[in-house]
Amino acid sequence: NNESAYLRRVADGSTYTRKFSPDQRLIILGGGHIAQPLSRMAAMLDFSVVVADDRPFFANTVRFPDAEQVICDDFHHAIQKMHIGPSDYVCVVTRGHRHDADCLRQILSGRWPSYVGMIGSVRRVSGLLELLREEGCDPGKLAQMHAPIGLKINALTPAEIAVTIC
């Protein structure tokens, strides 16, 4: 469950509230070369990591031993299985524009997570966002996306890129 729960008790005229929140979940869509160090680093930061890819070679526990869940399915079905909610963080690092677009359409049609980031060059990202705007996707949600993902520190290696994302 991705919802917070509250326990309220009244004692001696005072109300005490305890909030129970789910673990912060980092969902990595794409199991390629950036996903591996990203999964490792996110697990070290106490995220509950979920990785999804449609290729069995890339979506397996051997490649992602630190992930709590690895889903091998097409992105549409994988995202449906995850029940993305407002406490989730989503990183779209698939292998191509078409898969990125499919993932974003699915995410945009559901409950909006705390964070959505997508990897890609400035040109590629702006073209994809323009396509989604033309398709009628919510411009407010599109404006909240972090794309290109990560801090701009001229990272080159997959590990450096993972650091900028974390």
C-alpha atoms as a PDB file:
ATOM      1  CA  ASN A   1       0.000   0.000   0.000  1.00  0.00           C
ATOM      2  CA  ASN A   2       1.342   3.449  -0.952  1.00  0.00           C
ATOM      3  CA  GLU A   3      -0.820   5.419   1.475  1.00  0.00           C
ATOM      4  CA  SER A   4       0.071   6.876   4.835  1.00  0.00           C
ATOM      5  CA  ALA A   5      -2.018   5.797   7.797  1.00  0.00           C
ATOM      6  CA  TYR A   6      -2.643   7.699  10.995  1.00  0.00           C
ATOM      7  CA  LEU A   7      -3.294   6.562  14.533  1.00  0.00           C
ATOM      8  CA  ARG A   8      -4.934   9.164  16.773  1.00  0.00           C
ATOM      9  CA  ARG A   9      -5.410   8.833  20.508  1.00  0.00           C
ATOM     10  CA  VAL A  10      -6.776  11.293  23.012  1.00  0.00           C
ATOM     11  CA  ALA A  11      -5.279  11.196  26.495  1.00  0.00           C
ATOM     12  CA  ASP A  12      -5.724  13.749  29.241  1.00  0.00           C
ATOM     13  CA  GLY A  13      -7.367  16.199  26.834  1.00  0.00           C
ATOM     14  CA  SER A  14      -4.533  16.089  24.287  1.00  0.00           C
ATOM     15  CA  THR A  15      -4.664  14.427  20.885  1.00  0.00           C
ATOM     16  CA  TYR A  16      -1.641  12.403  19.845  1.00  0.00           C
ATOM     17  CA  THR A  17      -1.152  11.442  16.225  1.00  0.00           C
ATOM     18  CA  ARG A  18       1.310   8.958  14.798  1.00  0.00           C
ATOM     19  CA  LYS A  19       1.842   8.794  11.069  1.00  0.00           C
ATOM     20  CA  PHE A  20       2.773   5.486   9.472  1.00  0.00           C
ATOM     21  CA  SER A  21       4.241   5.990   6.000  1.00  0.00           C
ATOM     22  CA  PRO A  22       5.292   3.426   3.449  1.00  0.00           C
ATOM     23  CA  ASP A  23       8.961   2.991   2.627  1.00  0.00           C
ATOM     24  CA  GLN A  24      10.083   5.402  -0.033  1.00  0.00           C
ATOM     25  CA  ARG A  25       9.986   3.412  -3.236  1.00  0.00           C
ATOM     26  CA  LEU A  26      12.202   4.129  -6.208  1.00  0.00           C
ATOM     27  CA  ILE A  27      10.821   2.657  -9.395  1.00  0.00           C
ATOM     28  CA  ILE A  28      13.371   2.262 -12.159  1.00  0.00           C
ATOM     29  CA  LEU A  29      11.803   1.742 -15.582  1.00  0.00           C
ATOM     30  CA  GLY A  30      14.525   0.185 -17.697  1.00  0.00           C
ATOM     31  CA  GLY A  31      17.177  -2.302 -16.667  1.00  0.00           C
ATOM     32  CA  GLY A  32      20.136  -1.044 -18.663  1.00  0.00           C
ATOM     33  CA  HIS A  33      23.589   0.178 -17.717  1.00  0.00           C
ATOM     34  CA  ILE A  34      22.431   3.179 -15.656  1.00  0.00           C
ATOM     35  CA  ALA A  35      19.802   1.184 -13.764  1.00  0.00           C
ATOM     36  CA  GLN A  36      22.358  -1.095 -12.101  1.00  0.00           C
ATOM     37  CA  PRO A  37      24.343   1.541 -10.162  1.00  0.00           C
ATOM     38  CA  LEU A  38      21.137   3.521  -9.594  1.00  0.00           C
ATOM     39  CA  SER A  39      19.512   0.497  -7.950  1.00  0.00           C
ATOM     40  CA  ARG A  40      22.570  -0.119  -5.776  1.00  0.00           C
ATOM     41  CA  MET A  41      22.866   3.510  -4.647  1.00  0.00           C
ATOM     42  CA  ALA A  42      19.134   3.922  -4.023  1.00  0.00           C
ATOM     43  CA  ALA A  43      19.112   0.782  -1.856  1.00  0.00           C
ATOM     44  CA  MET A  44      22.031   2.224   0.128  1.00  0.00           C
ATOM     45  CA  LEU A  45      19.880   5.333   0.665  1.00  0.00           C
ATOM     46  CA  ASP A  46      17.093   3.135   2.104  1.00  0.00           C
ATOM     47  CA  PHE A  47      14.775   3.239  -0.875  1.00  0.00           C
ATOM     48  CA  SER A  48      12.690   0.189  -1.594  1.00  0.00           C
ATOM     49  CA  VAL A  49      13.839  -0.376  -5.185  1.00  0.00           C
ATOM     50  CA  VAL A  50      11.669  -1.823  -7.951  1.00  0.00           C
ATOM     51  CA  VAL A  51      13.151  -2.410 -11.404  1.00  0.00           C
ATOM     52  CA  ALA A  52      11.115  -3.183 -14.518  1.00  0.00           C
ATOM     53  CA  ASP A  53      12.230  -4.112 -18.009  1.00  0.00           C
ATOM     54  CA  ASP A  54      10.653  -6.195 -20.746  1.00  0.00           C
ATOM     55  CA  ARG A  55      13.833  -8.154 -21.475  1.00  0.00           C
ATOM     56  CA  PRO A  56      14.621 -11.197 -19.281  1.00  0.00           C
ATOM     57  CA  PHE A  57      18.370 -10.637 -19.639  1.00  0.00           C
ATOM     58  CA  PHE A  58      17.970  -7.173 -18.092  1.00  0.00           C
ATOM     59  CA  ALA A  59      15.135  -7.801 -15.612  1.00  0.00           C
ATOM     60  CA  ASN A  60      16.459 -10.351 -13.161  1.00  0.00           C
ATOM     61  CA  THR A  61      17.726 -10.557  -9.600  1.00  0.00           C
ATOM     62  CA  VAL A  62      21.258 -11.441 -10.703  1.00  0.00           C
ATOM     63  CA  ARG A  63      21.611  -7.981 -12.289  1.00  0.00           C
ATOM     64  CA  PHE A  64      19.699  -6.285  -9.454  1.00  0.00           C
ATOM     65  CA  PRO A  65      20.494  -8.048  -6.175  1.00  0.00           C
ATOM     66  CA  ASP A  66      19.673  -4.917  -4.145  1.00  0.00           C
ATOM     67  CA  ALA A  67      16.208  -4.466  -5.623  1.00  0.00           C
ATOM     68  CA  GLU A  68      13.271  -5.605  -3.534  1.00  0.00           C
ATOM     69  CA  GLN A  69      11.348  -6.447  -6.692  1.00  0.00           C
ATOM     70  CA  VAL A  70      12.306  -7.034 -10.314  1.00  0.00           C
ATOM     71  CA  ILE A  71       9.505  -7.194 -12.864  1.00  0.00           C
ATOM     72  CA  CYS A  72      10.001  -8.696 -16.306  1.00  0.00           C
ATOM     73  CA  ASP A  73       7.023  -7.602 -18.357  1.00  0.00           C
ATOM     74  CA  ASP A  74       6.170  -4.969 -20.939  1.00  0.00           C
ATOM     75  CA  PHE A  75       6.264  -1.529 -19.371  1.00  0.00           C
ATOM     76  CA  HIS A  76       2.499  -0.988 -19.594  1.00  0.00           C
ATOM     77  CA  HIS A  77       1.722  -4.098 -17.534  1.00  0.00           C
ATOM     78  CA  ALA A  78       4.665  -3.581 -15.185  1.00  0.00           C
ATOM     79  CA  ILE A  79       3.482  -0.073 -14.315  1.00  0.00           C
ATOM     80  CA  GLN A  80      -0.050  -1.362 -13.740  1.00  0.00           C
ATOM     81  CA  LYS A  81       1.291  -3.990 -11.317  1.00  0.00           C
ATOM     82  CA  MET A  82       3.180  -1.367  -9.308  1.00  0.00           C
ATOM     83  CA  HIS A  83       0.185   0.798  -8.374  1.00  0.00           C
ATOM     84  CA  ILE A  84       2.276   3.975  -8.439  1.00  0.00           C
ATOM     85  CA  GLY A  85       1.230   6.446  -5.768  1.00  0.00           C
ATOM     86  CA  PRO A  86       2.139   9.818  -4.323  1.00  0.00           C
ATOM     87  CA  SER A  87       4.965   8.497  -2.146  1.00  0.00           C
ATOM     88  CA  ASP A  88       6.829   6.912  -5.083  1.00  0.00           C
ATOM     89  CA  TYR A  89       9.811   8.176  -7.066  1.00  0.00           C
ATOM     90  CA  VAL A  90       9.999   7.112 -10.714  1.00  0.00           C
ATOM     91  CA  CYS A  91      13.064   7.141 -12.964  1.00  0.00           C
ATOM     92  CA  VAL A  92      12.452   6.488 -16.652  1.00  0.00           C
ATOM     93  CA  VAL A  93      15.729   5.142 -18.041  1.00  0.00           C
ATOM     94  CA  THR A  94      14.525   2.852 -20.820  1.00  0.00           C
ATOM     95  CA  ARG A  95      16.417   1.995 -23.959  1.00  0.00           C
ATOM     96  CA  GLY A  96      14.565   4.301 -26.313  1.00  0.00           C
ATOM     97  CA  HIS A  97      12.170   7.110 -27.104  1.00  0.00           C
ATOM     98  CA  ARG A  98       9.210   4.798 -27.814  1.00  0.00           C
ATOM     99  CA  HIS A  99       9.514   3.030 -24.458  1.00  0.00           C
ATOM    100  CA  ASP A 100       9.979   6.339 -22.627  1.00  0.00           C
ATOM    101  CA  ALA A 101       6.793   7.661 -24.235  1.00  0.00           C
ATOM    102  CA  ASP A 102       4.851   4.506 -23.330  1.00  0.00           C
ATOM    103  CA  CYS A 103       6.006   4.736 -19.707  1.00  0.00           C
ATOM    104  CA  LEU A 104       5.188   8.427 -19.414  1.00  0.00           C
ATOM    105  CA  ARG A 105       1.726   8.010 -20.941  1.00  0.00           C
ATOM    106  CA  GLN A 106       0.974   5.321 -18.386  1.00  0.00           C
ATOM    107  CA  ILE A 107       2.338   7.384 -15.475  1.00  0.00           C
ATOM    108  CA  LEU A 108       0.524  10.537 -16.615  1.00  0.00           C
ATOM    109  CA  SER A 109      -2.798   8.699 -16.727  1.00  0.00           C
ATOM    110  CA  GLY A 110      -2.543   7.497 -13.121  1.00  0.00           C
ATOM    111  CA  ARG A 111      -1.866   8.871  -9.678  1.00  0.00           C
ATOM    112  CA  TRP A 112       1.045  11.275  -9.766  1.00  0.00           C
ATOM    113  CA  PRO A 113       4.174  10.223  -7.837  1.00  0.00           C
ATOM    114  CA  SER A 114       6.399  12.482  -5.715  1.00  0.00           C
ATOM    115  CA  TYR A 115       9.035  12.515  -8.438  1.00  0.00           C
ATOM    116  CA  VAL A 116       9.238  11.621 -12.117  1.00  0.00           C
ATOM    117  CA  GLY A 117      12.518  11.912 -13.964  1.00  0.00           C
ATOM    118  CA  MET A 118      13.479  10.841 -17.470  1.00  0.00           C
ATOM    119  CA  ILE A 119      16.911  10.411 -18.954  1.00  0.00           C
ATOM    120  CA  GLY A 120      17.814  11.849 -22.338  1.00  0.00           C
ATOM    121  CA  SER A 121      19.427  14.699 -24.174  1.00  0.00           C
ATOM    122  CA  VAL A 122      17.788  18.120 -23.951  1.00  0.00           C
ATOM    123  CA  ARG A 123      16.699  17.814 -27.594  1.00  0.00           C
ATOM    124  CA  ARG A 124      15.246  14.332 -27.182  1.00  0.00           C
ATOM    125  CA  VAL A 125      13.462  15.238 -23.939  1.00  0.00           C
ATOM    126  CA  SER A 126      11.935  18.427 -25.341  1.00  0.00           C
ATOM    127  CA  GLY A 127      10.702  16.571 -28.422  1.00  0.00           C
ATOM    128  CA  LEU A 128       9.058  13.871 -26.332  1.00  0.00           C
ATOM    129  CA  LEU A 129       7.443  16.388 -23.976  1.00  0.00           C
ATOM    130  CA  GLU A 130       6.112  18.318 -26.976  1.00  0.00           C
ATOM    131  CA  LEU A 131       4.645  15.091 -28.406  1.00  0.00           C
ATOM    132  CA  LEU A 132       2.917  14.353 -25.077  1.00  0.00           C
ATOM    133  CA  ARG A 133       1.536  17.920 -24.926  1.00  0.00           C
ATOM    134  CA  GLU A 134       0.159  17.509 -28.461  1.00  0.00           C
ATOM    135  CA  GLU A 135      -1.500  14.252 -27.363  1.00  0.00           C
ATOM    136  CA  GLY A 136      -3.320  16.182 -24.645  1.00  0.00           C
ATOM    137  CA  CYS A 137      -1.322  15.113 -21.597  1.00  0.00           C
ATOM    138  CA  ASP A 138      -1.710  17.316 -18.525  1.00  0.00           C
ATOM    139  CA  PRO A 139       0.686  20.268 -18.981  1.00  0.00           C
ATOM    140  CA  GLY A 140       0.881  20.754 -15.198  1.00  0.00           C
ATOM    141  CA  LYS A 141       2.172  17.226 -14.703  1.00  0.00           C
ATOM    142  CA  LEU A 142       4.575  17.561 -17.624  1.00  0.00           C
ATOM    143  CA  ALA A 143       5.982  20.733 -16.041  1.00  0.00           C
ATOM    144  CA  GLN A 144       6.689  18.810 -12.813  1.00  0.00           C
ATOM    145  CA  MET A 145       8.847  16.234 -14.579  1.00  0.00           C
ATOM    146  CA  HIS A 146      12.602  16.303 -14.122  1.00  0.00           C
ATOM    147  CA  ALA A 147      13.941  15.874 -17.613  1.00  0.00           C
ATOM    148  CA  PRO A 148      16.722  15.452 -18.367  1.00  0.00           C
ATOM    149  CA  ILE A 149      17.034  13.632 -15.055  1.00  0.00           C
ATOM    150  CA  GLY A 150      19.763  14.332 -12.501  1.00  0.00           C
ATOM    151  CA  LEU A 151      21.983  17.211 -11.517  1.00  0.00           C
ATOM    152  CA  LYS A 152      23.935  18.887 -14.284  1.00  0.00           C
ATOM    153  CA  ILE A 153      27.526  18.089 -13.322  1.00  0.00           C
ATOM    154  CA  ASN A 154      28.751  16.720 -16.666  1.00  0.00           C
ATOM    155  CA  ALA A 155      28.463  13.118 -15.484  1.00  0.00           C
ATOM    156  CA  LEU A 156      29.676  10.597 -18.049  1.00  0.00           C
ATOM    157  CA  THR A 157      29.807   7.107 -16.560  1.00  0.00           C
ATOM    158  CA  PRO A 158      26.725   5.123 -15.481  1.00  0.00           C
ATOM    159  CA  ALA A 159      27.813   5.413 -11.829  1.00  0.00           C
ATOM    160  CA  GLU A 160      28.276   9.193 -12.118  1.00  0.00           C
ATOM    161  CA  ILE A 161      24.853   9.513 -13.728  1.00  0.00           C
ATOM    162  CA  ALA A 162      23.335   7.409 -10.940  1.00  0.00           C
ATOM    163  CA  VAL A 163      24.881   9.753  -8.369  1.00  0.00           C
ATOM    164  CA  THR A 164      23.331  12.783 -10.105  1.00  0.00           C
ATOM    165  CA  ILE A 165      19.923  11.077 -10.004  1.00  0.00           C
ATOM    166  CA  CYS A 166      20.162  10.079  -6.333  1.00  0.00           C
END
